[in-house]
Amino acid sequence: MVNWNDYYSPEEAIEVLKKNSNRPGLKKDYLRTLARYGVLTPAKIGNVNMYPKREVDAYIVEGRGEKIARLNRQKASGRSKTRKRAA
């Protein structure tokens, strides 16, 4: 049985993302994009997607290209999160 108290409605989820990311211009369409990319895993009630609070609360929207730039800097400095195993 699903505990719906652990989920946000689309309206609630987008408000949380706006507040956490300081991006007031976000639209509800962005939630569908995050779900399509696998960042959020919504549960369906009728024709409404409900978004898990733990996933929405943890996600912060950054400017375009900022995440990949940060990952590239980490990789260049040798602080990659994934380590290669010795053969």
Protein backbone atom coordinates (compact mmCIF):
# COMPACT_ATOMS: atom_id res chain seq x y z
CA MET A 1 0.00 0.00 0.00
CA VAL A 2 1.31 3.42 -0.94
CA ASN A 3 1.51 6.11 1.73
CA TRP A 4 0.42 9.21 -0.21
CA ASN A 5 1.74 11.44 2.58
CA ASP A 6 5.22 10.67 1.18
CA TYR A 7 4.33 12.26 -2.18
CA TYR A 8 3.83 15.76 -3.55
CA SER A 9 1.15 16.75 -6.03
CA PRO A 10 2.58 18.38 -9.17
CA GLU A 11 1.69 21.83 -7.82
CA GLU A 12 3.40 21.16 -4.49
CA ALA A 13 6.45 19.57 -6.14
CA ILE A 14 7.10 22.50 -8.47
CA GLU A 15 6.76 24.97 -5.58
CA VAL A 16 9.35 23.00 -3.59
CA LEU A 17 11.73 22.95 -6.58
CA LYS A 18 11.27 26.69 -7.08
CA LYS A 19 12.03 27.39 -3.42
CA ASN A 20 14.99 24.97 -3.11
CA SER A 21 16.58 26.11 -6.37
CA ASN A 22 15.76 29.83 -6.17
CA ARG A 23 14.28 29.60 -9.68
CA PRO A 24 10.81 31.19 -9.64
CA GLY A 25 10.26 30.65 -13.37
CA LEU A 26 9.99 26.85 -13.26
CA LYS A 27 6.87 25.35 -14.81
CA LYS A 28 5.09 22.03 -14.12
CA ASP A 29 6.34 20.75 -17.49
CA TYR A 30 9.79 20.53 -15.94
CA LEU A 31 8.56 17.78 -13.59
CA ARG A 32 7.62 15.64 -16.60
CA THR A 33 11.06 16.26 -18.09
CA LEU A 34 12.74 15.12 -14.86
CA ALA A 35 10.53 12.02 -14.83
CA ARG A 36 11.36 11.28 -18.48
CA TYR A 37 15.11 11.49 -17.67
CA GLY A 38 14.64 9.19 -14.68
CA VAL A 39 15.51 11.80 -12.06
CA LEU A 40 12.06 11.57 -10.48
CA THR A 41 9.97 8.41 -10.29
CA PRO A 42 6.34 9.50 -10.05
CA ALA A 43 3.48 7.28 -8.94
CA LYS A 44 0.19 7.60 -10.78
CA ILE A 45 -3.21 8.28 -9.20
CA GLY A 46 -5.81 8.26 -11.94
CA ASN A 47 -4.35 10.71 -14.44
CA VAL A 48 -2.16 12.63 -11.94
CA ASN A 49 1.51 11.92 -11.28
CA MET A 50 2.52 12.15 -7.64
CA TYR A 51 6.20 12.89 -6.97
CA PRO A 52 8.16 11.31 -4.08
CA LYS A 53 9.03 13.90 -1.45
CA ARG A 54 12.51 12.45 -0.85
CA GLU A 55 13.42 12.84 -4.55
CA VAL A 56 11.91 16.31 -4.97
CA ASP A 57 13.45 17.60 -1.73
CA ALA A 58 16.91 16.33 -2.72
CA TYR A 59 16.94 17.76 -6.26
CA ILE A 60 18.26 21.26 -6.94
CA VAL A 61 17.85 22.82 -10.36
CA GLU A 62 21.08 24.35 -11.66
CA GLY A 63 21.80 26.51 -14.66
CA ARG A 64 22.27 24.83 -18.00
CA GLY A 65 25.64 23.08 -18.20
CA GLU A 66 26.65 23.70 -14.56
CA LYS A 67 26.46 20.05 -13.47
CA ILE A 68 28.53 18.72 -16.37
CA ALA A 69 31.08 21.50 -15.87
CA ARG A 70 31.42 20.57 -12.19
CA LEU A 71 31.83 16.89 -13.07
CA ASN A 72 34.48 17.75 -15.67
CA ARG A 73 36.39 19.85 -13.12
CA GLN A 74 36.27 16.98 -10.61
CA LYS A 75 37.48 14.56 -13.24
CA ALA A 76 40.33 16.88 -14.25
CA SER A 77 41.45 17.33 -10.65
CA GLY A 78 41.37 13.57 -10.03
CA ARG A 79 38.47 13.65 -7.59
CA SER A 80 36.18 11.48 -9.64
CA LYS A 81 33.44 9.73 -7.67
CA THR A 82 34.06 6.50 -9.57
CA ARG A 83 37.40 4.81 -9.24
CA LYS A 84 38.92 2.40 -11.67
CA ARG A 85 39.81 -0.99 -10.32
CA ALA A 86 43.31 -2.28 -10.74
CA ALA A 87 43.47 -5.11 -13.26
